[in-house]
Amino acid sequence: MYEQLRDMGGEPESRTKTSDAHLPLVAKVSEVAIYLRSSEPTVRELIRTNRLRAIRCGRSIRVPRSAVDAFIRGEASEGSAK
């Protein structure tokens, strides 16, 4: 499906590459949103409500791949850095 959209100019090349590839060991909110096929505000809300574990690095937020995998499996988050 993504190949068809890309060929038609429906989605940027970078979005299809990130969503089709594996998530990095520690991902940005934008990368997690693409991976989950969701929006950045939705991912930030999941972090804020402790449904998705995240790490704060200065002003940046990073999400461990293990936390995304746990979220997909439906496991509860063990806490989140705010």
PDB file of N, CA and C in Angstrom:
ATOM      1  N   MET A   1       0.823  -1.194   0.000  1.00  0.00           N
ATOM      2  CA  MET A   1       0.000   0.000   0.000  1.00  0.00           C
ATOM      3  C   MET A   1       0.868   1.260   0.000  1.00  0.00           C
ATOM      4  N   TYR A   2       1.912   1.283   0.862  1.00  0.00           N
ATOM      5  CA  TYR A   2       2.757   2.469   0.916  1.00  0.00           C
ATOM      6  C   TYR A   2       3.487   2.699  -0.397  1.00  0.00           C
ATOM      7  N   GLU A   3       3.861   1.599  -1.070  1.00  0.00           N
ATOM      8  CA  GLU A   3       4.540   1.757  -2.349  1.00  0.00           C
ATOM      9  C   GLU A   3       3.614   2.428  -3.359  1.00  0.00           C
ATOM     10  N   GLN A   4       2.339   2.048  -3.341  1.00  0.00           N
ATOM     11  CA  GLN A   4       1.376   2.652  -4.243  1.00  0.00           C
ATOM     12  C   GLN A   4       1.202   4.134  -3.946  1.00  0.00           C
ATOM     13  N   LEU A   5       1.087   4.483  -2.662  1.00  0.00           N
ATOM     14  CA  LEU A   5       0.941   5.886  -2.291  1.00  0.00           C
ATOM     15  C   LEU A   5       2.180   6.681  -2.657  1.00  0.00           C
ATOM     16  N   ARG A   6       3.364   6.081  -2.411  1.00  0.00           N
ATOM     17  CA  ARG A   6       4.606   6.783  -2.726  1.00  0.00           C
ATOM     18  C   ARG A   6       4.700   7.022  -4.227  1.00  0.00           C
ATOM     19  N   ASP A   7       4.347   6.005  -5.024  1.00  0.00           N
ATOM     20  CA  ASP A   7       4.397   6.152  -6.477  1.00  0.00           C
ATOM     21  C   ASP A   7       3.447   7.233  -6.962  1.00  0.00           C
ATOM     22  N   MET A   8       2.324   7.407  -6.251  1.00  0.00           N
ATOM     23  CA  MET A   8       1.350   8.422  -6.628  1.00  0.00           C
ATOM     24  C   MET A   8       1.672   9.770  -5.993  1.00  0.00           C
ATOM     25  N   GLY A   9       2.728   9.810  -5.177  1.00  0.00           N
ATOM     26  CA  GLY A   9       3.073  11.061  -4.506  1.00  0.00           C
ATOM     27  C   GLY A   9       2.242  11.300  -3.269  1.00  0.00           C
ATOM     28  N   GLY A  10       1.621  10.256  -2.709  1.00  0.00           N
ATOM     29  CA  GLY A  10       0.728  10.396  -1.570  1.00  0.00           C
ATOM     30  C   GLY A  10       1.419  10.610  -0.247  1.00  0.00           C
ATOM     31  N   GLU A  11       2.645  10.085  -0.086  1.00  0.00           N
ATOM     32  CA  GLU A  11       3.366  10.235   1.169  1.00  0.00           C
ATOM     33  C   GLU A  11       4.833  10.492   0.891  1.00  0.00           C
ATOM     34  N   PRO A  12       5.473  11.237   1.781  1.00  0.00           N
ATOM     35  CA  PRO A  12       6.897  11.486   1.602  1.00  0.00           C
ATOM     36  C   PRO A  12       7.703  10.194   1.711  1.00  0.00           C
ATOM     37  N   GLU A  13       8.823  10.131   1.005  1.00  0.00           N
ATOM     38  CA  GLU A  13       9.697   8.964   1.003  1.00  0.00           C
ATOM     39  C   GLU A  13      10.172   8.612   2.402  1.00  0.00           C
ATOM     40  N   SER A  14      10.541   9.607   3.211  1.00  0.00           N
ATOM     41  CA  SER A  14      11.092   9.347   4.535  1.00  0.00           C
ATOM     42  C   SER A  14      10.074   8.660   5.446  1.00  0.00           C
ATOM     43  N   ARG A  15       8.815   8.980   5.318  1.00  0.00           N
ATOM     44  CA  ARG A  15       7.793   8.356   6.161  1.00  0.00           C
ATOM     45  C   ARG A  15       7.661   6.876   5.851  1.00  0.00           C
ATOM     46  N   THR A  16       7.683   6.510   4.584  1.00  0.00           N
ATOM     47  CA  THR A  16       7.535   5.105   4.244  1.00  0.00           C
ATOM     48  C   THR A  16       8.750   4.313   4.695  1.00  0.00           C
ATOM     49  N   LYS A  17       9.936   4.859   4.586  1.00  0.00           N
ATOM     50  CA  LYS A  17      11.129   4.141   5.011  1.00  0.00           C
ATOM     51  C   LYS A  17      11.102   3.892   6.513  1.00  0.00           C
ATOM     52  N   THR A  18      10.725   4.881   7.309  1.00  0.00           N
ATOM     53  CA  THR A  18      10.722   4.728   8.759  1.00  0.00           C
ATOM     54  C   THR A  18       9.658   3.739   9.200  1.00  0.00           C
ATOM     55  N   SER A  19       8.476   3.788   8.611  1.00  0.00           N
ATOM     56  CA  SER A  19       7.403   2.901   9.059  1.00  0.00           C
ATOM     57  C   SER A  19       7.654   1.461   8.631  1.00  0.00           C
ATOM     58  N   ASP A  20       8.349   1.243   7.517  1.00  0.00           N
ATOM     59  CA  ASP A  20       8.624  -0.107   7.053  1.00  0.00           C
ATOM     60  C   ASP A  20       9.838  -0.706   7.747  1.00  0.00           C
ATOM     61  N   ALA A  21      10.727   0.119   8.262  1.00  0.00           N
ATOM     62  CA  ALA A  21      11.932  -0.355   8.918  1.00  0.00           C
ATOM     63  C   ALA A  21      11.662  -0.629  10.390  1.00  0.00           C
ATOM     64  N   HIS A  22      12.650  -1.215  11.034  1.00  0.00           N
ATOM     65  CA  HIS A  22      12.547  -1.449  12.467  1.00  0.00           C
ATOM     66  C   HIS A  22      12.778  -0.149  13.212  1.00  0.00           C
ATOM     67  N   LEU A  23      12.170  -0.036  14.359  1.00  0.00           N
ATOM     68  CA  LEU A  23      12.322   1.142  15.206  1.00  0.00           C
ATOM     69  C   LEU A  23      13.715   1.126  15.821  1.00  0.00           C
ATOM     70  N   PRO A  24      14.393   2.282  15.912  1.00  0.00           N
ATOM     71  CA  PRO A  24      15.709   2.316  16.556  1.00  0.00           C
ATOM     72  C   PRO A  24      15.620   1.915  18.027  1.00  0.00           C
ATOM     73  N   LEU A  25      16.752   1.614  18.627  1.00  0.00           N
ATOM     74  CA  LEU A  25      16.803   1.202  20.027  1.00  0.00           C
ATOM     75  C   LEU A  25      16.163   2.260  20.920  1.00  0.00           C
ATOM     76  N   VAL A  26      16.415   3.529  20.627  1.00  0.00           N
ATOM     77  CA  VAL A  26      15.783   4.654  21.327  1.00  0.00           C
ATOM     78  C   VAL A  26      15.278   5.601  20.244  1.00  0.00           C
ATOM     79  N   ALA A  27      13.970   5.854  20.241  1.00  0.00           N
ATOM     80  CA  ALA A  27      13.350   6.595  19.136  1.00  0.00           C
ATOM     81  C   ALA A  27      12.793   7.936  19.582  1.00  0.00           C
ATOM     82  N   LYS A  28      12.709   8.853  18.629  1.00  0.00           N
ATOM     83  CA  LYS A  28      12.049  10.140  18.845  1.00  0.00           C
ATOM     84  C   LYS A  28      10.536   9.919  18.841  1.00  0.00           C
ATOM     85  N   VAL A  29       9.823  10.886  19.393  1.00  0.00           N
ATOM     86  CA  VAL A  29       8.357  10.821  19.410  1.00  0.00           C
ATOM     87  C   VAL A  29       7.822  10.724  17.979  1.00  0.00           C
ATOM     88  N   SER A  30       8.408  11.471  17.071  1.00  0.00           N
ATOM     89  CA  SER A  30       7.949  11.445  15.676  1.00  0.00           C
ATOM     90  C   SER A  30       8.145  10.068  15.051  1.00  0.00           C
ATOM     91  N   GLU A  31       9.257   9.388  15.376  1.00  0.00           N
ATOM     92  CA  GLU A  31       9.508   8.055  14.837  1.00  0.00           C
ATOM     93  C   GLU A  31       8.515   7.039  15.410  1.00  0.00           C
ATOM     94  N   VAL A  32       8.203   7.171  16.688  1.00  0.00           N
ATOM     95  CA  VAL A  32       7.232   6.276  17.318  1.00  0.00           C
ATOM     96  C   VAL A  32       5.854   6.492  16.697  1.00  0.00           C
ATOM     97  N   ALA A  33       5.497   7.741  16.454  1.00  0.00           N
ATOM     98  CA  ALA A  33       4.199   8.042  15.847  1.00  0.00           C
ATOM     99  C   ALA A  33       4.079   7.396  14.470  1.00  0.00           C
ATOM    100  N   ILE A  34       5.127   7.464  13.681  1.00  0.00           N
ATOM    101  CA  ILE A  34       5.105   6.842  12.357  1.00  0.00           C
ATOM    102  C   ILE A  34       5.021   5.326  12.500  1.00  0.00           C
ATOM    103  N   TYR A  35       5.807   4.769  13.400  1.00  0.00           N
ATOM    104  CA  TYR A  35       5.829   3.318  13.615  1.00  0.00           C
ATOM    105  C   TYR A  35       4.459   2.797  14.042  1.00  0.00           C
ATOM    106  N   LEU A  36       3.788   3.547  14.932  1.00  0.00           N
ATOM    107  CA  LEU A  36       2.468   3.143  15.408  1.00  0.00           C
ATOM    108  C   LEU A  36       1.347   3.602  14.476  1.00  0.00           C
ATOM    109  N   ARG A  37       1.721   4.336  13.435  1.00  0.00           N
ATOM    110  CA  ARG A  37       0.742   4.920  12.499  1.00  0.00           C
ATOM    111  C   ARG A  37      -0.276   5.763  13.256  1.00  0.00           C
ATOM    112  N   SER A  38       0.285   6.635  14.077  1.00  0.00           N
ATOM    113  CA  SER A  38      -0.500   7.517  14.923  1.00  0.00           C
ATOM    114  C   SER A  38       0.033   8.938  14.732  1.00  0.00           C
ATOM    115  N   SER A  39      -0.426   9.860  15.570  1.00  0.00           N
ATOM    116  CA  SER A  39       0.071  11.231  15.495  1.00  0.00           C
ATOM    117  C   SER A  39       1.009  11.503  16.666  1.00  0.00           C
ATOM    118  N   GLU A  40       1.850  12.528  16.513  1.00  0.00           N
ATOM    119  CA  GLU A  40       2.753  12.909  17.598  1.00  0.00           C
ATOM    120  C   GLU A  40       1.986  13.317  18.860  1.00  0.00           C
ATOM    121  N   PRO A  41       0.906  14.105  18.753  1.00  0.00           N
ATOM    122  CA  PRO A  41       0.152  14.429  19.978  1.00  0.00           C
ATOM    123  C   PRO A  41      -0.398  13.187  20.688  1.00  0.00           C
ATOM    124  N   THR A  42      -0.798  12.179  19.929  1.00  0.00           N
ATOM    125  CA  THR A  42      -1.294  10.951  20.546  1.00  0.00           C
ATOM    126  C   THR A  42      -0.180  10.241  21.308  1.00  0.00           C
ATOM    127  N   VAL A  43       1.003  10.166  20.714  1.00  0.00           N
ATOM    128  CA  VAL A  43       2.135   9.529  21.388  1.00  0.00           C
ATOM    129  C   VAL A  43       2.512  10.313  22.636  1.00  0.00           C
ATOM    130  N   ARG A  44       2.523  11.645  22.543  1.00  0.00           N
ATOM    131  CA  ARG A  44       2.834  12.468  23.721  1.00  0.00           C
ATOM    132  C   ARG A  44       1.797  12.269  24.829  1.00  0.00           C
ATOM    133  N   GLU A  45       0.537  12.080  24.458  1.00  0.00           N
ATOM    134  CA  GLU A  45      -0.513  11.816  25.447  1.00  0.00           C
ATOM    135  C   GLU A  45      -0.309  10.454  26.103  1.00  0.00           C
ATOM    136  N   LEU A  46       0.089   9.460  25.332  1.00  0.00           N
ATOM    137  CA  LEU A  46       0.385   8.142  25.891  1.00  0.00           C
ATOM    138  C   LEU A  46       1.524   8.228  26.904  1.00  0.00           C
ATOM    139  N   ILE A  47       2.521   9.043  26.602  1.00  0.00           N
ATOM    140  CA  ILE A  47       3.647   9.239  27.521  1.00  0.00           C
ATOM    141  C   ILE A  47       3.180   9.987  28.765  1.00  0.00           C
ATOM    142  N   ARG A  48       2.406  11.047  28.557  1.00  0.00           N
ATOM    143  CA  ARG A  48       1.945  11.871  29.676  1.00  0.00           C
ATOM    144  C   ARG A  48       1.085  11.067  30.652  1.00  0.00           C
ATOM    145  N   THR A  49       0.294  10.145  30.140  1.00  0.00           N
ATOM    146  CA  THR A  49      -0.596   9.343  30.988  1.00  0.00           C
ATOM    147  C   THR A  49       0.054   8.029  31.439  1.00  0.00           C
ATOM    148  N   ASN A  50       1.369   7.914  31.231  1.00  0.00           N
ATOM    149  CA  ASN A  50       2.159   6.749  31.652  1.00  0.00           C
ATOM    150  C   ASN A  50       1.715   5.438  31.007  1.00  0.00           C
ATOM    151  N   ARG A  51       1.133   5.513  29.834  1.00  0.00           N
ATOM    152  CA  ARG A  51       0.787   4.291  29.107  1.00  0.00           C
ATOM    153  C   ARG A  51       1.933   3.856  28.206  1.00  0.00           C
ATOM    154  N   LEU A  52       2.878   4.777  27.969  1.00  0.00           N
ATOM    155  CA  LEU A  52       4.064   4.496  27.169  1.00  0.00           C
ATOM    156  C   LEU A  52       5.255   5.098  27.896  1.00  0.00           C
ATOM    157  N   ARG A  53       6.222   4.249  28.236  1.00  0.00           N
ATOM    158  CA  ARG A  53       7.400   4.694  28.984  1.00  0.00           C
ATOM    159  C   ARG A  53       8.307   5.515  28.078  1.00  0.00           C
ATOM    160  N   ALA A  54       8.881   6.579  28.636  1.00  0.00           N
ATOM    161  CA  ALA A  54       9.773   7.447  27.878  1.00  0.00           C
ATOM    162  C   ALA A  54      10.905   7.924  28.771  1.00  0.00           C
ATOM    163  N   ILE A  55      11.941   8.442  28.142  1.00  0.00           N
ATOM    164  CA  ILE A  55      13.113   8.970  28.829  1.00  0.00           C
ATOM    165  C   ILE A  55      13.292  10.418  28.410  1.00  0.00           C
ATOM    166  N   ARG A  56      13.524  11.278  29.373  1.00  0.00           N
ATOM    167  CA  ARG A  56      13.782  12.677  29.066  1.00  0.00           C
ATOM    168  C   ARG A  56      15.289  12.874  28.987  1.00  0.00           C
ATOM    169  N   CYS A  57      15.739  13.429  27.876  1.00  0.00           N
ATOM    170  CA  CYS A  57      17.148  13.761  27.658  1.00  0.00           C
ATOM    171  C   CYS A  57      17.208  15.265  27.436  1.00  0.00           C
ATOM    172  N   GLY A  58      17.423  16.011  28.520  1.00  0.00           N
ATOM    173  CA  GLY A  58      17.360  17.465  28.406  1.00  0.00           C
ATOM    174  C   GLY A  58      15.936  17.877  28.089  1.00  0.00           C
ATOM    175  N   ARG A  59      15.759  18.558  26.967  1.00  0.00           N
ATOM    176  CA  ARG A  59      14.419  18.964  26.547  1.00  0.00           C
ATOM    177  C   ARG A  59      13.772  17.964  25.596  1.00  0.00           C
ATOM    178  N   SER A  60      14.521  16.949  25.231  1.00  0.00           N
ATOM    179  CA  SER A  60      14.028  15.945  24.283  1.00  0.00           C
ATOM    180  C   SER A  60      13.391  14.771  25.013  1.00  0.00           C
ATOM    181  N   ILE A  61      12.492  14.115  24.317  1.00  0.00           N
ATOM    182  CA  ILE A  61      11.865  12.903  24.841  1.00  0.00           C
ATOM    183  C   ILE A  61      12.245  11.767  23.911  1.00  0.00           C
ATOM    184  N   ARG A  62      12.702  10.668  24.488  1.00  0.00           N
ATOM    185  CA  ARG A  62      13.043   9.478  23.710  1.00  0.00           C
ATOM    186  C   ARG A  62      12.268   8.300  24.271  1.00  0.00           C
ATOM    187  N   VAL A  63      11.879   7.400  23.383  1.00  0.00           N
ATOM    188  CA  VAL A  63      11.092   6.236  23.773  1.00  0.00           C
ATOM    189  C   VAL A  63      11.900   4.980  23.442  1.00  0.00           C
ATOM    190  N   PRO A  64      12.192   4.152  24.444  1.00  0.00           N
ATOM    191  CA  PRO A  64      12.911   2.909  24.170  1.00  0.00           C
ATOM    192  C   PRO A  64      12.067   1.962  23.325  1.00  0.00           C
ATOM    193  N   ARG A  65      12.726   1.242  22.440  1.00  0.00           N
ATOM    194  CA  ARG A  65      12.019   0.278  21.600  1.00  0.00           C
ATOM    195  C   ARG A  65      11.301  -0.753  22.456  1.00  0.00           C
ATOM    196  N   SER A  66      11.901  -1.144  23.577  1.00  0.00           N
ATOM    197  CA  SER A  66      11.266  -2.129  24.465  1.00  0.00           C
ATOM    198  C   SER A  66       9.941  -1.600  25.019  1.00  0.00           C
ATOM    199  N   ALA A  67       9.851  -0.280  25.252  1.00  0.00           N
ATOM    200  CA  ALA A  67       8.607   0.312  25.744  1.00  0.00           C
ATOM    201  C   ALA A  67       7.520   0.269  24.666  1.00  0.00           C
ATOM    202  N   VAL A  68       7.911   0.502  23.421  1.00  0.00           N
ATOM    203  CA  VAL A  68       6.944   0.434  22.315  1.00  0.00           C
ATOM    204  C   VAL A  68       6.454  -1.001  22.148  1.00  0.00           C
ATOM    205  N   ASP A  69       7.384  -1.962  22.223  1.00  0.00           N
ATOM    206  CA  ASP A  69       6.996  -3.366  22.110  1.00  0.00           C
ATOM    207  C   ASP A  69       6.041  -3.762  23.237  1.00  0.00           C
ATOM    208  N   ALA A  70       6.330  -3.307  24.465  1.00  0.00           N
ATOM    209  CA  ALA A  70       5.458  -3.598  25.606  1.00  0.00           C
ATOM    210  C   ALA A  70       4.081  -2.971  25.412  1.00  0.00           C
ATOM    211  N   PHE A  71       4.041  -1.748  24.887  1.00  0.00           N
ATOM    212  CA  PHE A  71       2.768  -1.070  24.634  1.00  0.00           C
ATOM    213  C   PHE A  71       1.944  -1.860  23.622  1.00  0.00           C
ATOM    214  N   ILE A  72       2.589  -2.323  22.576  1.00  0.00           N
ATOM    215  CA  ILE A  72       1.882  -3.089  21.545  1.00  0.00           C
ATOM    216  C   ILE A  72       1.334  -4.397  22.117  1.00  0.00           C
ATOM    217  N   ARG A  73       2.108  -5.028  23.006  1.00  0.00           N
ATOM    218  CA  ARG A  73       1.656  -6.266  23.637  1.00  0.00           C
ATOM    219  C   ARG A  73       0.579  -6.023  24.679  1.00  0.00           C
ATOM    220  N   GLY A  74       0.347  -4.756  25.048  1.00  0.00           N
ATOM    221  CA  GLY A  74      -0.684  -4.428  26.019  1.00  0.00           C
ATOM    222  C   GLY A  74      -0.218  -4.479  27.444  1.00  0.00           C
ATOM    223  N   GLU A  75       1.087  -4.503  27.643  1.00  0.00           N
ATOM    224  CA  GLU A  75       1.640  -4.533  28.989  1.00  0.00           C
ATOM    225  C   GLU A  75       1.659  -3.135  29.575  1.00  0.00           C
ATOM    226  N   ALA A  76       1.468  -3.048  30.892  1.00  0.00           N
ATOM    227  CA  ALA A  76       1.458  -1.759  31.577  1.00  0.00           C
ATOM    228  C   ALA A  76       2.848  -1.170  31.618  1.00  0.00           C
ATOM    229  N   SER A  77       2.922   0.135  31.535  1.00  0.00           N
ATOM    230  CA  SER A  77       4.192   0.854  31.629  1.00  0.00           C
ATOM    231  C   SER A  77       4.656   0.881  33.073  1.00  0.00           C
ATOM    232  N   GLU A  78       5.966   0.808  33.283  1.00  0.00           N
ATOM    233  CA  GLU A  78       6.527   0.834  34.627  1.00  0.00           C
ATOM    234  C   GLU A  78       6.841   2.246  35.099  1.00  0.00           C
ATOM    235  N   GLY A  79       6.486   3.233  34.334  1.00  0.00           N
ATOM    236  CA  GLY A  79       6.768   4.608  34.720  1.00  0.00           C
ATOM    237  C   GLY A  79       7.354   5.369  33.551  1.00  0.00           C
ATOM    238  N   SER A  80       7.296   6.662  33.649  1.00  0.00           N
ATOM    239  CA  SER A  80       7.753   7.518  32.562  1.00  0.00           C
ATOM    240  C   SER A  80       8.428   8.742  33.137  1.00  0.00           C
ATOM    241  N   ALA A  81       9.486   9.168  32.486  1.00  0.00           N
ATOM    242  CA  ALA A  81      10.158  10.404  32.911  1.00  0.00           C
ATOM    243  C   ALA A  81       9.355  11.586  32.399  1.00  0.00           C
ATOM    244  N   LYS A  82       9.131  12.548  33.249  1.00  0.00           N
ATOM    245  CA  LYS A  82       8.330  13.713  32.825  1.00  0.00           C
ATOM    246  C   LYS A  82       9.156  14.948  32.734  1.00  0.00           C
TER     247      LYS A  82
END
